[in-house]
Every structure is written in C-alpha cells, then in structure tokens.
Amino acid sequence: MANTTIVLEGEPRTEFGKGPSRRMRAARQIPATIYAGGDQPVYVKLPMKETTLALRHTNALITVKYGEDSKLAVVKDVQRNPVKRIVEHIDFYEVKAGEKIDVEVPVFVEGTPKGAAIAFVDIQELKVRADVSNLPERIVVTVDGLEDGDKVFLKDLELPEGVELDMEDLDESVVTVEVPQDAPLPEVTEEQEENVPAIDGSNPEA
C-alpha cells in the first residue's frame, strides 16, 4: 500500500509556454500543475531527478512544497517525450487527509498455473476507491494451481483492507488461464516409444 508520503521541494512557476518549459527541462526541472477542484490551479516547477523517482510509486501521496506553501496531492497525468521518455509535465490533484478518492491500479499476476497453461491479464488496470493515506500501488492476482480454462473474475478478487472496487460488471474476468495454441507438445520418452505398437499397413484378415 502507498502509505508513505513523498515530499518534493519545488518552486512557484510564473512562466508558461514551450520556451520556458524547455528552459526548465534544460535546468533539470519539470513544470507541473496542481488542480484543486474549482479553485485556481497552482503552477510549480519540480526537481527532475527526485520527481522522476517519485513517479515510480503508483498512486503515491505526495507533499508538493513551493515557496512557503505546500499541498498534499496525487499524480493524475504524466506527459513524457515519446522518444526520450523523459517527463515533460505533470498534473497533480490536491487531496485532503481522510478523503476517499478513485484511482486506477495496475493488475499484477503471481504464481504458476498447472502444466503448459499461461495466465493472461484481461483488465490491465482496475478502478478502486480508497482513503488517500491507503492507496494501493497494485492489485495482485494469484494463479498458483489454476488450470487451462480457469478464470479469475472481479468478484473473486481479494482487495487490501479499506479498498473498494469501483467497477460495474463484477462478472468480468480479470485473468484468464489457458494453454497457448502454439504450446509445444509433451516430449515422448524412449520407453513410451517402445510401447507404441508398430503399424506396417498390412491387414491379416484381408
């Protein structure tokens, strides 16, 4: 669970547009915007290294400091350069302690199905609702012992304490276990080959 608050030391941002944004990134800073419901957004610039590391934690609770002010927030959107993959801009959403919010959480699979079966994730991200101090980073689905044709449905998921699933069709499958069509056939041992009767094409009763 993402229960540790990350602190980012930023600065107020007063310049806007592509030119200032490029200069910020050249100075190893990331432009960001903090949205707070119907209030005026707050514009900040954040240290690139520390902020990029913070983004590794899905749904992390982040305290963004800028000047003498600070806001508690979660990441809503990250814009990356399609080639260099560096972070170009971040949108935050301000939250309050004790508030419950909806977040998207990635699905991870652990364990090994039986035989040649493989687990396929049908829903990559789940929408859940939880307290901001208890936001999950991932939902783990265990597939140990499952067989070809088995499915894990939304209604079967074991969610962390205090986390509620916020999706409509609970009969939708999250993970499907099946043997791929191109899976290799089991190897035949020499002993098995010796026990296979020979077929010479003759018919003694003909």
Protein backbone atom coordinates (compact mmCIF):
# COMPACT_ATOMS: atom_id res chain seq x y z
CA MET A 1 0.00 0.00 0.00
CA ALA A 2 1.13 3.52 -0.77
CA ASN A 3 1.02 4.76 2.82
CA THR A 4 4.24 6.83 2.89
CA THR A 5 4.08 10.48 1.89
CA ILE A 6 6.78 11.63 -0.52
CA VAL A 7 7.96 15.23 -0.21
CA LEU A 8 9.04 17.22 -3.28
CA GLU A 9 10.70 20.59 -2.81
CA GLY A 10 9.55 22.79 -5.71
CA GLU A 11 9.26 26.44 -6.65
CA PRO A 12 6.36 28.60 -7.86
CA ARG A 13 6.17 28.78 -11.66
CA THR A 14 5.44 32.13 -13.28
CA GLU A 15 6.50 31.47 -16.89
CA PHE A 16 4.41 29.47 -19.33
CA GLY A 17 4.62 28.17 -22.86
CA LYS A 18 7.01 25.95 -24.82
CA GLY A 19 10.06 28.21 -24.47
CA PRO A 20 10.03 28.47 -20.66
CA SER A 21 9.19 24.76 -20.39
CA ARG A 22 12.23 23.85 -22.49
CA ARG A 23 14.42 26.07 -20.32
CA MET A 24 13.08 24.41 -17.17
CA ARG A 25 13.84 20.95 -18.51
CA ALA A 26 17.32 22.08 -19.55
CA ALA A 27 17.79 23.20 -15.94
CA ARG A 28 16.68 19.72 -14.77
CA GLN A 29 13.26 20.90 -13.64
CA ILE A 30 9.78 19.65 -14.54
CA PRO A 31 6.80 22.01 -14.96
CA ALA A 32 3.74 20.84 -13.07
CA THR A 33 0.18 21.93 -12.28
CA ILE A 34 -1.78 21.17 -9.11
CA TYR A 35 -5.55 21.16 -9.56
CA ALA A 36 -7.84 21.65 -6.58
CA GLY A 37 -11.46 21.17 -7.52
CA GLY A 38 -12.94 24.50 -8.56
CA ASP A 39 -10.08 26.56 -7.13
CA GLN A 40 -7.40 28.22 -9.22
CA PRO A 41 -4.66 25.74 -10.22
CA VAL A 42 -1.21 26.11 -8.71
CA TYR A 43 1.75 26.16 -11.10
CA VAL A 44 5.08 24.84 -9.87
CA LYS A 45 8.43 23.52 -11.11
CA LEU A 46 9.93 20.43 -9.52
CA PRO A 47 13.42 18.84 -9.39
CA MET A 48 13.65 16.33 -12.24
CA LYS A 49 15.61 13.55 -10.51
CA GLU A 50 13.58 13.41 -7.28
CA THR A 51 10.28 13.77 -9.12
CA THR A 52 11.09 11.03 -11.63
CA LEU A 53 11.96 8.69 -8.76
CA ALA A 54 8.69 9.57 -7.01
CA LEU A 55 6.73 8.63 -10.13
CA ARG A 56 7.89 5.03 -9.78
CA HIS A 57 5.39 4.68 -6.95
CA THR A 58 1.90 4.29 -8.36
CA ASN A 59 -0.73 6.37 -6.52
CA ALA A 60 1.86 7.76 -4.11
CA LEU A 61 0.73 10.50 -1.73
CA ILE A 62 2.97 13.49 -2.42
CA THR A 63 3.50 16.69 -0.49
CA VAL A 64 4.48 19.37 -3.01
CA LYS A 65 6.24 22.32 -1.42
CA TYR A 66 6.59 25.62 -3.27
CA GLY A 67 7.84 28.73 -1.53
CA GLU A 68 6.21 28.89 1.91
CA ASP A 69 3.18 26.88 0.82
CA SER A 70 2.55 23.19 0.27
CA LYS A 71 -0.22 20.91 -0.97
CA LEU A 72 -0.98 17.24 -0.48
CA ALA A 73 -1.60 15.68 -3.88
CA VAL A 74 -1.65 12.57 -6.08
CA VAL A 75 -0.50 12.30 -9.68
CA LYS A 76 -3.31 12.44 -12.25
CA ASP A 77 -1.40 12.60 -15.53
CA VAL A 78 2.20 12.44 -16.74
CA GLN A 79 3.33 13.68 -20.14
CA ARG A 80 6.53 12.10 -21.46
CA ASN A 81 8.65 12.78 -24.51
CA PRO A 82 7.70 9.99 -26.96
CA VAL A 83 11.33 9.45 -28.00
CA LYS A 84 13.48 10.29 -24.97
CA ARG A 85 10.78 9.18 -22.47
CA ILE A 86 11.72 11.99 -20.09
CA VAL A 87 8.92 13.59 -18.09
CA GLU A 88 7.80 16.85 -19.70
CA HIS A 89 4.84 17.82 -17.49
CA ILE A 90 2.84 16.51 -14.54
CA ASP A 91 -0.73 17.16 -13.47
CA PHE A 92 -1.45 16.70 -9.77
CA TYR A 93 -4.79 16.62 -7.98
CA GLU A 94 -4.96 18.09 -4.48
CA VAL A 95 -6.39 15.82 -1.79
CA LYS A 96 -7.24 16.20 1.90
CA ALA A 97 -6.30 13.89 4.75
CA GLY A 98 -9.09 11.38 5.37
CA GLU A 99 -10.55 11.85 1.89
CA LYS A 100 -11.51 8.85 -0.27
CA ILE A 101 -10.73 9.06 -3.96
CA ASP A 102 -10.95 6.88 -7.08
CA VAL A 103 -7.66 5.74 -8.63
CA GLU A 104 -6.53 3.38 -11.38
CA VAL A 105 -4.43 0.48 -10.12
CA PRO A 106 -2.41 -1.92 -12.32
CA VAL A 107 -3.00 -5.68 -12.14
CA PHE A 108 -0.04 -7.97 -11.43
CA VAL A 109 -0.04 -11.77 -11.62
CA GLU A 110 1.97 -14.03 -9.33
CA GLY A 111 2.31 -17.79 -9.18
CA THR A 112 2.40 -20.53 -11.81
CA PRO A 113 -0.60 -22.30 -13.38
CA LYS A 114 -0.55 -26.09 -13.94
CA GLY A 115 1.07 -27.66 -16.96
CA ALA A 116 1.65 -25.55 -20.05
CA ALA A 117 -1.09 -23.05 -19.12
CA ILE A 118 -0.28 -19.35 -19.02
CA ALA A 119 -2.08 -16.53 -17.21
CA PHE A 120 -3.32 -13.70 -19.44
CA VAL A 121 -4.38 -10.37 -17.90
CA ASP A 122 -7.75 -9.32 -19.35
CA ILE A 123 -8.01 -5.99 -17.49
CA GLN A 124 -4.72 -4.13 -17.17
CA GLU A 125 -5.97 -1.54 -14.64
CA LEU A 126 -8.75 -1.56 -12.08
CA LYS A 127 -10.65 1.41 -10.74
CA VAL A 128 -10.77 1.35 -6.95
CA ARG A 129 -11.78 3.70 -4.17
CA ALA A 130 -9.70 4.15 -1.02
CA ASP A 131 -8.51 6.63 1.58
CA VAL A 132 -5.69 8.83 0.28
CA SER A 133 -3.40 7.50 3.01
CA ASN A 134 -4.07 3.92 1.94
CA LEU A 135 -3.95 3.94 -1.86
CA PRO A 136 -2.76 0.63 -3.36
CA GLU A 137 0.13 0.59 -5.82
CA ARG A 138 -1.06 -2.66 -7.41
CA ILE A 139 -3.63 -5.43 -7.21
CA VAL A 140 -2.03 -8.89 -7.15
CA VAL A 141 -3.86 -11.92 -8.58
CA THR A 142 -2.51 -15.35 -7.57
CA VAL A 143 -2.76 -18.08 -10.22
CA ASP A 144 -0.94 -20.92 -8.47
CA GLY A 145 -2.58 -24.25 -9.30
CA LEU A 146 -5.09 -22.85 -11.79
CA GLU A 147 -5.70 -24.94 -14.92
CA ASP A 148 -6.44 -24.40 -18.59
CA GLY A 149 -9.82 -22.64 -18.89
CA ASP A 150 -9.89 -21.19 -15.37
CA LYS A 151 -10.75 -17.51 -14.93
CA VAL A 152 -10.45 -15.01 -12.08
CA PHE A 153 -13.38 -12.59 -12.04
CA LEU A 154 -13.68 -9.15 -10.48
CA LYS A 155 -15.96 -10.62 -7.81
CA ASP A 156 -13.22 -13.11 -6.87
CA LEU A 157 -10.52 -10.53 -6.11
CA GLU A 158 -9.07 -10.23 -2.63
CA LEU A 159 -8.59 -6.49 -2.15
CA PRO A 160 -6.43 -4.85 0.52
CA GLU A 161 -8.26 -3.74 3.64
CA GLY A 162 -10.13 -0.47 3.13
CA VAL A 163 -10.05 -0.69 -0.67
CA GLU A 164 -13.31 -0.91 -2.62
CA LEU A 165 -13.71 -1.96 -6.23
CA ASP A 166 -15.43 0.76 -8.27
CA MET A 167 -16.39 -1.13 -11.44
CA GLU A 168 -19.78 -2.07 -12.86
CA ASP A 169 -19.66 -5.66 -14.12
CA LEU A 170 -18.26 -7.84 -11.34
CA ASP A 171 -18.62 -10.91 -13.57
CA GLU A 172 -15.96 -9.58 -15.93
CA SER A 173 -12.78 -11.67 -15.99
CA VAL A 174 -9.54 -10.10 -14.79
CA VAL A 175 -7.23 -13.01 -15.57
CA THR A 176 -7.71 -15.99 -17.91
CA VAL A 177 -5.60 -19.13 -17.69
CA GLU A 178 -5.18 -21.13 -20.89
CA VAL A 179 -2.71 -23.15 -22.91
CA PRO A 180 -1.46 -21.17 -25.92
CA GLN A 181 -2.31 -22.72 -29.29
CA ASP A 182 1.36 -22.88 -30.22
CA ALA A 183 2.43 -24.52 -26.96
CA PRO A 184 4.91 -27.39 -27.54
CA LEU A 185 3.58 -30.95 -27.22
CA PRO A 186 4.89 -33.07 -24.33
CA GLU A 187 8.11 -34.92 -25.17
CA VAL A 188 7.82 -38.70 -25.71
CA THR A 189 10.39 -40.77 -23.82
CA GLU A 190 12.25 -43.74 -25.32
CA GLU A 191 10.30 -46.09 -23.07
CA GLN A 192 6.98 -44.66 -24.32
CA GLU A 193 8.16 -45.05 -27.93
CA GLU A 194 8.98 -48.73 -27.35
CA ASN A 195 5.45 -49.37 -26.03
CA VAL A 196 3.78 -47.93 -29.11
CA PRO A 197 2.67 -50.81 -31.45
CA ALA A 198 4.18 -50.71 -34.92
CA ILE A 199 1.85 -50.16 -37.87
CA ASP A 200 3.02 -51.74 -41.15
CA GLY A 201 -0.11 -51.16 -43.15
CA SER A 202 -0.92 -54.89 -43.52
CA ASN A 203 -4.30 -56.42 -42.65
CA PRO A 204 -4.00 -60.09 -41.69
CA GLU A 205 -7.77 -60.62 -42.01
CA ALA A 206 -7.96 -59.24 -45.52
